[in-house]
Each structure stands twice: as structure tokens, then as C-alpha cells.
Amino acid sequence: MKPMNLLHDLIREVATNEIMPYFLRVQSARKEDGSVLSQADLAAQAKLVFRLPQIIAAPVLGEEMAAGEQRALWAQHAHSGLWVIDPIDGTNNFVNGLPHFAVSVAYVAQGRAQLGAIFNPISGELFSAERGGGAFVNDARLPLRCVPKKLHEALAGVDVKRLRSARLANSINHFAPFGTLRCLGSSTLDWCYLA
């Protein structure tokens, strides 16, 4: 079976067995950076860390790892290959019962994403792409859309809260060159819907 097919099966399994049993029933804590962490994040990450190297033998850099460990893994393996995961992108949504979150997994080599998949367990949408192979939602190929839009008409997705500069956040909120701003709480799903 191809790595992408194995990845599809794995992230569906992780969402079904490690994440969804906690939805609407989970307690959370705060990480050092102030972001939310749930038991479902930890369970999903543990399963992915164990199983992904069976698809492509490479270490796993997880969202729930300490920042120093993440930096070290990236520095050591971004060229040779590593998995990069966010077991629940949109944990804040997840713990608050908002059905907009996803399992996000990518394999990176030579510093570039080679394949990846993002699964929304609420809608059942599975977005995936492989370098040179196109992008898909479930089994349907996503068309390449190159319709230019004027910047002042564009919808922008920016998580202003995460910007390090208060001046930049203020500028984006008040003097942005785009039409309107949205932040739905799961950047990977937002990017998929953009595609």
C-alpha cells in the first residue's frame, strides 16, 4: 500500500479512536506558551508518534513537544526527513465544542513538504496532497484555481492573537490592505478551504 493511503487510514483511525471519544467531554490545561492542551491531544500524538515511522521511517515532530525538542528535531532532520504533526489543530475549538478542528500530518524532506493530509473528523473531509501528485479532498482532485483577486477584495485568514508585535496586530486590524479578516481557529482547515 502507498504511504499516502496508509496515512489516510492512520489519521482516520486516530481521529475515531483517540480524539472523537473526548469531543464535548474533555478537560484541558494550558501549556507554557498559553495555548490549550487536552488529553485527546496527548493520546492522538502518542499514537501518531508510534505509528507514523511505520509508514516512512523518520522521527516525528509534534505540536505538543517542548519548543526546544521541536527546534532540535527540525535542525537535525528537516533535510533528511521527518514527520510534522498537530494532533488537533484547533484544540481551543475542540475543548469548547466548536466543530472546526483537524488532525494535521505532513512528511517533510529537503526542508519541503513531500506529502500531507488534514482530516476534519466532524465533516469527514480528508484533504491530502503529494509533491507532484496533485491535491485531493476525499477522492476528488482539487482543481488548480488561478483566478487573481484584487487584494482589497480578498478574504484574509490571520490569527492576530498569535502575532508577536502588538503594532503589527493593530495595523492588520485597522489598516489592512485586504477586504476582510477571519480566524476560524484551525489554520490547516482554513488553508484547505482556501485551496
Protein backbone atom coordinates (compact mmCIF):
# COMPACT_ATOMS: atom_id res chain seq x y z
CA MET A 1 0.00 0.00 0.00
CA LYS A 2 1.27 3.52 -0.81
CA PRO A 3 2.41 5.79 2.04
CA MET A 4 -0.42 8.26 1.33
CA ASN A 5 -3.07 5.53 1.61
CA LEU A 6 -1.53 4.31 4.86
CA LEU A 7 -1.51 7.88 6.14
CA HIS A 8 -5.20 8.32 5.26
CA ASP A 9 -6.09 5.16 7.17
CA LEU A 10 -3.99 6.17 10.17
CA ILE A 11 -5.35 9.67 10.63
CA ARG A 12 -8.93 8.46 10.30
CA GLU A 13 -8.19 5.79 12.92
CA VAL A 14 -6.54 8.31 15.27
CA ALA A 15 -9.46 10.71 14.94
CA THR A 16 -12.00 7.95 15.57
CA ASN A 17 -10.25 6.24 18.48
CA GLU A 18 -8.13 8.91 20.17
CA ILE A 19 -9.92 12.21 19.53
CA MET A 20 -13.66 11.90 19.00
CA PRO A 21 -14.34 9.97 22.24
CA TYR A 22 -13.23 13.15 24.06
CA PHE A 23 -15.24 15.63 21.99
CA LEU A 24 -17.72 17.51 24.22
CA ARG A 25 -16.32 15.59 27.23
CA VAL A 26 -12.79 16.88 27.62
CA GLN A 27 -10.97 18.91 30.23
CA SER A 28 -7.98 20.96 29.24
CA ALA A 29 -4.90 22.59 30.66
CA ARG A 30 -2.60 25.36 29.48
CA LYS A 31 0.87 24.86 28.05
CA GLU A 32 3.78 27.17 28.87
CA ASP A 33 3.01 29.29 25.81
CA GLY A 34 -0.57 29.77 27.00
CA SER A 35 -2.17 27.54 24.37
CA VAL A 36 -4.71 24.87 25.28
CA LEU A 37 -3.75 21.21 25.71
CA SER A 38 -6.19 18.32 26.14
CA GLN A 39 -5.93 14.63 26.92
CA ALA A 40 -7.09 13.99 23.36
CA ASP A 41 -4.06 15.92 22.01
CA LEU A 42 -1.72 13.75 24.06
CA ALA A 43 -3.43 10.47 23.14
CA ALA A 44 -3.52 11.32 19.43
CA GLN A 45 0.08 12.49 19.39
CA ALA A 46 1.27 9.33 21.17
CA LYS A 47 -0.47 7.13 18.59
CA LEU A 48 0.92 9.16 15.67
CA VAL A 49 4.46 9.18 17.09
CA PHE A 50 4.30 5.39 17.38
CA ARG A 51 2.69 4.63 14.01
CA LEU A 52 3.99 7.21 11.51
CA PRO A 53 7.56 5.80 11.42
CA GLN A 54 5.99 2.52 10.26
CA ILE A 55 4.81 4.35 7.11
CA ILE A 56 8.05 6.25 6.42
CA ALA A 57 10.93 5.64 8.82
CA ALA A 58 11.53 9.12 10.22
CA PRO A 59 11.27 10.88 13.57
CA VAL A 60 8.10 12.80 14.49
CA LEU A 61 7.99 16.46 15.49
CA GLY A 62 4.77 17.02 17.40
CA GLU A 63 2.91 20.18 18.35
CA GLU A 64 2.72 19.03 21.96
CA MET A 65 6.52 18.59 22.35
CA ALA A 66 8.58 21.18 24.20
CA ALA A 67 9.79 24.02 21.97
CA GLY A 68 13.45 23.08 22.47
CA GLU A 69 12.77 19.50 21.41
CA GLN A 70 10.90 20.74 18.33
CA ARG A 71 13.79 23.02 17.31
CA ALA A 72 16.34 20.24 17.78
CA LEU A 73 14.35 17.74 15.70
CA TRP A 74 13.83 20.28 12.92
CA ALA A 75 17.51 21.28 12.87
CA GLN A 76 18.64 17.67 12.77
CA HIS A 77 16.08 16.11 10.41
CA ALA A 78 14.37 18.74 8.19
CA HIS A 79 16.70 17.84 5.33
CA SER A 80 16.87 14.08 5.81
CA GLY A 81 13.16 13.73 6.60
CA LEU A 82 10.73 13.95 9.49
CA TRP A 83 7.02 13.90 10.20
CA VAL A 84 5.45 17.16 11.42
CA ILE A 85 2.13 16.79 13.22
CA ASP A 86 -0.52 18.74 15.04
CA PRO A 87 -2.74 16.04 16.54
CA ILE A 88 -5.60 18.51 16.97
CA ASP A 89 -5.22 21.74 15.05
CA GLY A 90 -7.88 23.86 16.69
CA THR A 91 -7.65 22.49 20.23
CA ASN A 92 -9.38 25.59 21.58
CA ASN A 93 -12.34 24.89 19.31
CA PHE A 94 -12.25 21.20 20.26
CA VAL A 95 -12.37 21.76 24.03
CA ASN A 96 -15.14 24.34 23.65
CA GLY A 97 -17.32 22.10 21.49
CA LEU A 98 -16.86 24.08 18.27
CA PRO A 99 -16.73 21.53 15.43
CA HIS A 100 -13.87 23.13 13.49
CA PHE A 101 -10.64 21.21 14.18
CA ALA A 102 -8.47 18.71 12.35
CA VAL A 103 -5.70 16.15 12.53
CA SER A 104 -2.77 17.57 10.57
CA VAL A 105 0.19 15.46 9.39
CA ALA A 106 2.98 16.17 6.89
CA TYR A 107 6.18 14.42 5.87
CA VAL A 108 8.97 16.92 5.25
CA ALA A 109 12.28 16.21 3.49
CA GLN A 110 14.84 18.58 1.95
CA GLY A 111 13.08 21.25 4.03
CA ARG A 112 9.87 20.93 1.97
CA ALA A 113 6.57 19.13 2.46
CA GLN A 114 6.55 15.93 0.41
CA LEU A 115 3.12 14.66 1.39
CA GLY A 116 0.48 15.60 3.87
CA ALA A 117 -3.06 15.04 5.00
CA ILE A 118 -5.54 17.02 7.05
CA PHE A 119 -8.66 15.32 8.37
CA ASN A 120 -11.77 17.00 9.74
CA PRO A 121 -13.46 14.24 11.76
CA ILE A 122 -16.71 16.20 12.06
CA SER A 123 -17.32 16.61 8.31
CA GLY A 124 -15.34 13.56 7.21
CA GLU A 125 -13.33 15.73 4.81
CA LEU A 126 -9.84 14.39 4.17
CA PHE A 127 -7.58 16.83 2.34
CA SER A 128 -4.30 15.47 1.03
CA ALA A 129 -1.52 16.35 -1.34
CA GLU A 130 1.71 14.79 -2.52
CA ARG A 131 4.53 16.66 -4.23
CA GLY A 132 3.97 16.24 -7.96
CA GLY A 133 0.73 14.32 -7.47
CA GLY A 134 -1.92 16.99 -7.03
CA ALA A 135 -4.26 17.78 -4.18
CA PHE A 136 -7.46 15.99 -3.22
CA VAL A 137 -10.43 16.23 -0.91
CA ASN A 138 -11.52 12.68 -0.16
CA ASP A 139 -11.10 11.06 -3.60
CA ALA A 140 -11.84 14.15 -5.71
CA ARG A 141 -8.95 16.04 -7.28
CA LEU A 142 -8.94 19.71 -6.35
CA PRO A 143 -8.81 21.92 -9.43
CA LEU A 144 -5.96 24.38 -9.75
CA ARG A 145 -7.53 27.80 -9.34
CA CYS A 146 -5.53 30.74 -10.55
CA VAL A 147 -8.19 33.41 -10.63
CA PRO A 148 -6.43 36.55 -9.45
CA LYS A 149 -8.29 38.67 -6.96
CA LYS A 150 -7.66 42.26 -6.11
CA LEU A 151 -6.06 42.46 -2.69
CA HIS A 152 -8.67 44.89 -1.34
CA GLU A 153 -11.35 42.25 -2.17
CA ALA A 154 -9.52 39.32 -0.60
CA LEU A 155 -10.56 37.39 2.49
CA ALA A 156 -7.53 37.00 4.78
CA GLY A 157 -7.01 34.39 7.46
CA VAL A 158 -4.81 35.78 10.24
CA ASP A 159 -4.66 34.73 13.87
CA VAL A 160 -3.99 38.23 15.18
CA LYS A 161 -3.74 36.97 18.77
CA ARG A 162 -0.61 34.98 17.89
CA LEU A 163 1.27 37.87 16.30
CA ARG A 164 4.26 38.81 18.43
CA SER A 165 4.06 42.50 17.63
CA ALA A 166 1.14 44.49 19.03
CA ARG A 167 1.85 47.20 16.45
CA LEU A 168 1.59 44.68 13.61
CA ALA A 169 -1.64 43.25 15.01
CA ASN A 170 -3.09 46.76 15.32
CA SER A 171 -2.03 47.60 11.76
CA ILE A 172 -3.59 44.42 10.39
CA ASN A 173 -6.84 45.11 12.24
CA HIS A 174 -7.14 48.75 11.24
CA PHE A 175 -5.12 49.38 8.07
CA ALA A 176 -5.10 46.04 6.31
CA PRO A 177 -4.88 46.06 2.52
CA PHE A 178 -7.33 43.14 2.24
CA GLY A 179 -11.13 43.13 2.24
CA THR A 180 -11.94 41.28 5.45
CA LEU A 181 -10.32 39.15 8.11
CA ARG A 182 -11.32 35.73 9.50
CA CYS A 183 -9.75 33.41 12.02
CA LEU A 184 -11.75 30.23 12.49
CA GLY A 185 -9.33 28.58 14.92
CA SER A 186 -7.86 25.80 12.76
CA SER A 187 -5.32 27.22 10.36
CA THR A 188 -4.81 23.97 8.47
CA LEU A 189 -8.54 23.66 7.74
CA ASP A 190 -8.66 27.33 6.78
CA TRP A 191 -5.85 26.73 4.26
CA CYS A 192 -7.62 23.65 2.89
CA TYR A 193 -10.82 25.59 2.32
CA LEU A 194 -8.78 28.28 0.59
CA ALA A 195 -7.38 25.67 -1.80
